[in-house]
Every structure is written in structure tokens, then in C-alpha cells.
Amino acid sequence: MHVRGVNTFISDSGVMRYHMVAEEWDILNGTQGQPPTWNFYKGLLMERYDQDFHIDLYIQSDTAYLHEQHLWELRGRVVVKNVRGDVFRTEELFWDLNKHEMWSYQYIRIVTPERELEGTEFHSNEQMTKYFVSNSIGAFPVSENDSINDNVNDNVNVNNNGDGNGNVNDNGNGNVNDNGNGNRNSNFKKQWERERKW
């Protein structure tokens, strides 16, 4: 089946959950009792609603596929915005509706009001609020009174074990640690203070 000019709402268990807008929507019948595949070759804009009908996730992509009614494959310019206003940009994103998780093995850029992150191999919960980014780099604000080991009031945990593959793990505990070489944290702060004085 081929549909043009799609602007539809989808419910889950009688509750309105998704709003989808697409230029074209192809539904291919599954073989041997398999569920149909949905193809959005000319892009997809999707909003997901919470129980109070507020948008809690915004997704836009150049191309999208829904495999077996539970696995989204988003390709092209993929943009996701979560309820906190964090914006995720990548070229590929997978979303498993059964496992309630999202992931990508492509370059990803995350922009939040507090920081910017870039990296590869991204894993997240379905709400895009707790995530892990491998091979990451980023910009984090640090005040003059903070040390790298201080707890920050944020949802990110940075662990860099000195191998050049800094990993960012957003697990909700708000710790920033660099375990590269023993006393690196205190030495780094002392060196930074010396350089700042001249």
C-alpha cells in the first residue's frame, strides 16, 4: 500500500501516543505471517506523547523504516529532541520498541544547555535521558572553584582511563572523573592555576 501526504495519530492501548507526518508511506506486506514493514523514503517527522499528552520526544529523519512493528531504523539527517531539550544529531539511529532502547554506531553530536558532546557508538534509554557515548569529546563548563574530581549537578559521568578513548556515560549520578594516571586530577588543577596567573 502506498499513501501520500500522511498526517496521522497512532494510539497504544487506547491512548494517543504518536503523531506522524510524512510525504509518503509505503506499507509492504510481510511474508509467511511476518508483520508488514513501514517505509518512509521521503522522510518522517514523529512526536511521541506522555500520559498528559505533552510531547516527550521529537524525531525527524530523511528516511525511516519500521521493521516487524517494533524496530525503527532512521537514516539520513536524524534529529532527536528529548523532554529536557537535549538535541541529538546523527546519520543513523535504531529504536527497539520492545527493549525500550536506542542506539547508533555512527558519529553523533549531542547539544544540551550545559554541554556539547561528540562521539561514536551511542546507546540510550527510550527517553534519551540516560545515554552512553564512546570515543567522545566535548565541552563542559567548569567554574574556577571546581576541580575535575568534584561532583557536578548534572547527569553525566565522564571516565577517561588514559587510552585516548574517553567514554561518556550518563547514568544519573553526576560524577566527573579522569583516571588517566593517578594524581592527574590534582596536578592538572595546579598546572592550570599556574598557567592562569601569567
Protein backbone atom coordinates (compact mmCIF):
# COMPACT_ATOMS: atom_id res chain seq x y z
CA MET A 1 0.00 0.00 0.00
CA HIS A 2 1.26 3.48 -0.87
CA VAL A 3 -0.04 6.59 0.92
CA ARG A 4 0.84 10.23 0.21
CA GLY A 5 0.52 13.28 2.45
CA VAL A 6 0.44 11.42 5.76
CA ASN A 7 -0.58 13.28 8.92
CA THR A 8 -1.83 10.73 11.43
CA PHE A 9 -2.05 9.88 15.12
CA ILE A 10 -1.30 6.40 16.44
CA SER A 11 -2.61 5.06 19.72
CA ASP A 12 -1.20 2.39 22.01
CA SER A 13 -3.69 0.50 24.21
CA GLY A 14 -6.32 3.15 23.54
CA VAL A 15 -4.03 6.07 24.50
CA MET A 16 -2.81 8.56 21.89
CA ARG A 17 0.98 8.11 21.78
CA TYR A 18 2.39 9.22 18.40
CA HIS A 19 1.84 11.88 15.77
CA MET A 20 3.45 11.09 12.41
CA VAL A 21 3.88 13.37 9.40
CA ALA A 22 5.38 12.06 6.15
CA GLU A 23 5.27 12.89 2.46
CA GLU A 24 4.95 9.20 1.54
CA TRP A 25 4.31 6.00 3.48
CA ASP A 26 4.75 2.56 1.92
CA ILE A 27 3.42 -0.49 3.74
CA LEU A 28 4.91 -3.75 2.47
CA ASN A 29 3.14 -6.96 3.42
CA GLY A 30 5.21 -9.41 5.44
CA THR A 31 5.91 -12.88 4.11
CA GLN A 32 4.78 -16.09 5.79
CA GLY A 33 2.87 -14.43 8.62
CA GLN A 34 5.51 -11.75 9.32
CA PRO A 35 4.26 -8.26 10.22
CA PRO A 36 4.35 -5.62 7.48
CA THR A 37 7.29 -3.22 7.04
CA TRP A 38 6.64 0.52 7.00
CA ASN A 39 8.89 2.59 4.71
CA PHE A 40 9.16 6.37 4.76
CA TYR A 41 11.51 7.03 1.83
CA LYS A 42 10.94 10.81 1.75
CA GLY A 43 11.36 11.49 5.45
CA LEU A 44 9.46 11.25 8.70
CA LEU A 45 8.57 13.65 11.48
CA MET A 46 7.28 11.95 14.62
CA GLU A 47 6.25 13.26 18.02
CA ARG A 48 5.69 10.98 21.00
CA TYR A 49 3.31 11.99 23.79
CA ASP A 50 3.42 11.23 27.50
CA GLN A 51 0.35 10.31 29.59
CA ASP A 52 -0.60 14.02 29.87
CA PHE A 53 -0.40 14.49 26.05
CA HIS A 54 2.77 16.60 26.23
CA ILE A 55 5.47 15.95 23.64
CA ASP A 56 8.26 13.99 25.34
CA LEU A 57 10.24 13.03 22.22
CA TYR A 58 10.60 14.66 18.80
CA ILE A 59 12.18 12.70 15.92
CA GLN A 60 12.97 13.79 12.37
CA SER A 61 14.86 11.82 9.71
CA ASP A 62 15.39 11.81 5.94
CA THR A 63 14.40 8.13 5.67
CA ALA A 64 12.76 5.76 8.14
CA TYR A 65 11.79 2.09 8.28
CA LEU A 66 9.72 0.20 10.84
CA HIS A 67 10.69 -3.48 10.78
CA GLU A 68 8.41 -6.15 12.27
CA GLN A 69 6.35 -3.47 14.05
CA HIS A 70 8.99 -2.97 16.76
CA LEU A 71 12.36 -1.85 15.29
CA TRP A 72 12.73 1.66 13.86
CA GLU A 73 15.66 2.34 11.56
CA LEU A 74 16.21 6.07 10.99
CA ARG A 75 18.72 7.23 8.35
CA GLY A 76 19.99 10.42 6.78
CA ARG A 77 19.85 13.62 8.81
CA VAL A 78 18.41 12.26 12.05
CA VAL A 79 17.47 14.78 14.74
CA VAL A 80 16.01 13.79 18.12
CA LYS A 81 14.95 16.20 20.87
CA ASN A 82 14.08 14.88 24.32
CA VAL A 83 11.86 16.35 27.05
CA ARG A 84 14.85 18.18 28.62
CA GLY A 85 15.57 19.98 25.35
CA ASP A 86 18.73 17.98 24.57
CA VAL A 87 19.27 17.68 20.80
CA PHE A 88 20.87 14.58 19.26
CA ARG A 89 22.13 14.63 15.65
CA THR A 90 23.40 11.58 13.76
CA GLU A 91 23.22 9.85 10.38
CA GLU A 92 21.74 6.61 11.73
CA LEU A 93 19.62 5.64 14.73
CA PHE A 94 17.90 2.41 15.74
CA TRP A 95 14.99 2.29 18.20
CA ASP A 96 13.74 -1.02 19.59
CA LEU A 97 10.20 -0.54 20.92
CA ASN A 98 10.24 -3.91 22.71
CA LYS A 99 13.54 -3.35 24.53
CA HIS A 100 12.85 0.39 25.04
CA GLU A 101 16.33 1.45 23.89
CA MET A 102 18.01 3.43 21.12
CA TRP A 103 21.50 3.09 19.64
CA SER A 104 23.76 4.18 16.82
CA TYR A 105 27.20 3.17 15.57
CA GLN A 106 27.69 6.39 13.59
CA TYR A 107 29.04 9.80 14.59
CA ILE A 108 26.66 11.57 16.98
CA ARG A 109 26.55 15.11 18.33
CA ILE A 110 24.63 15.95 21.49
CA VAL A 111 23.88 19.55 22.44
CA THR A 112 22.40 20.36 25.84
CA PRO A 113 22.07 23.70 27.63
CA GLU A 114 25.12 22.76 29.74
CA ARG A 115 27.44 20.91 27.36
CA GLU A 116 28.24 19.59 23.89
CA LEU A 117 29.36 16.02 23.20
CA GLU A 118 30.53 14.26 20.07
CA GLY A 119 31.41 10.62 19.64
CA THR A 120 30.60 7.28 18.11
CA GLU A 121 28.69 4.23 19.34
CA PHE A 122 25.74 5.68 21.17
CA HIS A 123 23.36 3.75 23.46
CA SER A 124 20.39 5.24 25.30
CA ASN A 125 17.14 4.53 27.04
CA GLU A 126 13.95 5.20 25.10
CA GLN A 127 13.53 8.66 26.63
CA MET A 128 17.07 9.70 25.54
CA THR A 129 17.80 10.87 29.09
CA LYS A 130 20.37 8.25 30.13
CA TYR A 131 22.98 7.56 27.48
CA PHE A 132 26.47 6.26 26.78
CA VAL A 133 28.78 7.69 24.10
CA SER A 134 32.08 6.04 23.13
CA ASN A 135 35.16 7.78 21.71
CA SER A 136 33.76 11.06 22.95
CA ILE A 137 34.97 14.62 23.10
CA GLY A 138 33.06 17.54 24.48
CA ALA A 139 32.88 20.89 26.18
CA PHE A 140 31.83 21.06 29.83
CA PRO A 141 31.62 24.29 31.83
CA VAL A 142 33.86 24.31 34.91
CA SER A 143 34.00 27.23 37.33
CA GLU A 144 37.27 28.43 38.86
CA ASN A 145 36.43 26.79 42.21
CA ASP A 146 35.63 23.38 40.74
CA SER A 147 38.15 20.63 40.27
CA ILE A 148 37.75 17.88 37.72
CA ASN A 149 37.02 15.39 40.50
CA ASP A 150 34.22 17.49 42.03
CA ASN A 151 30.67 16.26 41.65
CA VAL A 152 28.70 18.38 39.23
CA ASN A 153 24.96 18.80 39.32
CA ASP A 154 24.45 17.05 36.03
CA ASN A 155 23.55 13.67 34.62
CA VAL A 156 26.88 12.80 33.09
CA ASN A 157 29.74 10.61 34.26
CA VAL A 158 32.99 11.01 32.32
CA ASN A 159 35.54 8.22 32.67
CA ASN A 160 38.76 8.58 30.73
CA ASN A 161 41.19 5.80 31.54
CA GLY A 162 44.07 7.34 29.61
CA ASP A 163 43.80 5.19 26.48
CA GLY A 164 42.62 8.06 24.28
CA ASN A 165 39.12 6.63 24.09
CA GLY A 166 37.24 8.88 26.50
CA ASN A 167 33.82 7.46 27.21
CA VAL A 168 30.88 9.47 28.45
CA ASN A 169 28.33 7.57 30.47
CA ASP A 170 25.20 9.45 31.51
CA ASN A 171 23.96 7.29 34.36
CA GLY A 172 22.38 9.93 36.54
CA ASN A 173 24.98 10.05 39.34
CA GLY A 174 26.69 13.28 38.26
CA ASN A 175 30.36 12.32 38.74
CA VAL A 176 33.19 13.58 36.55
CA ASN A 177 36.37 11.54 36.86
CA ASP A 178 39.58 11.29 34.84
CA ASN A 179 41.54 8.23 35.96
CA GLY A 180 44.37 8.62 33.46
CA ASN A 181 47.42 8.47 35.74
CA GLY A 182 46.92 8.53 39.49
CA ASN A 183 47.34 12.17 40.60
CA ARG A 184 46.43 13.63 37.26
CA ASN A 185 43.40 15.48 38.61
CA SER A 186 45.22 17.48 41.28
CA ASN A 187 48.25 18.03 39.03
CA PHE A 188 46.02 19.25 36.24
CA LYS A 189 44.34 21.79 38.51
CA LYS A 190 47.70 23.03 39.87
CA GLN A 191 49.11 23.35 36.35
CA TRP A 192 46.00 25.19 35.17
CA GLU A 193 46.20 27.62 38.12
CA ARG A 194 49.91 28.31 37.38
CA GLU A 195 49.23 28.98 33.71
CA ARG A 196 46.25 31.17 34.50
CA LYS A 197 48.35 33.53 36.69
CA TRP A 198 50.70 34.69 33.97
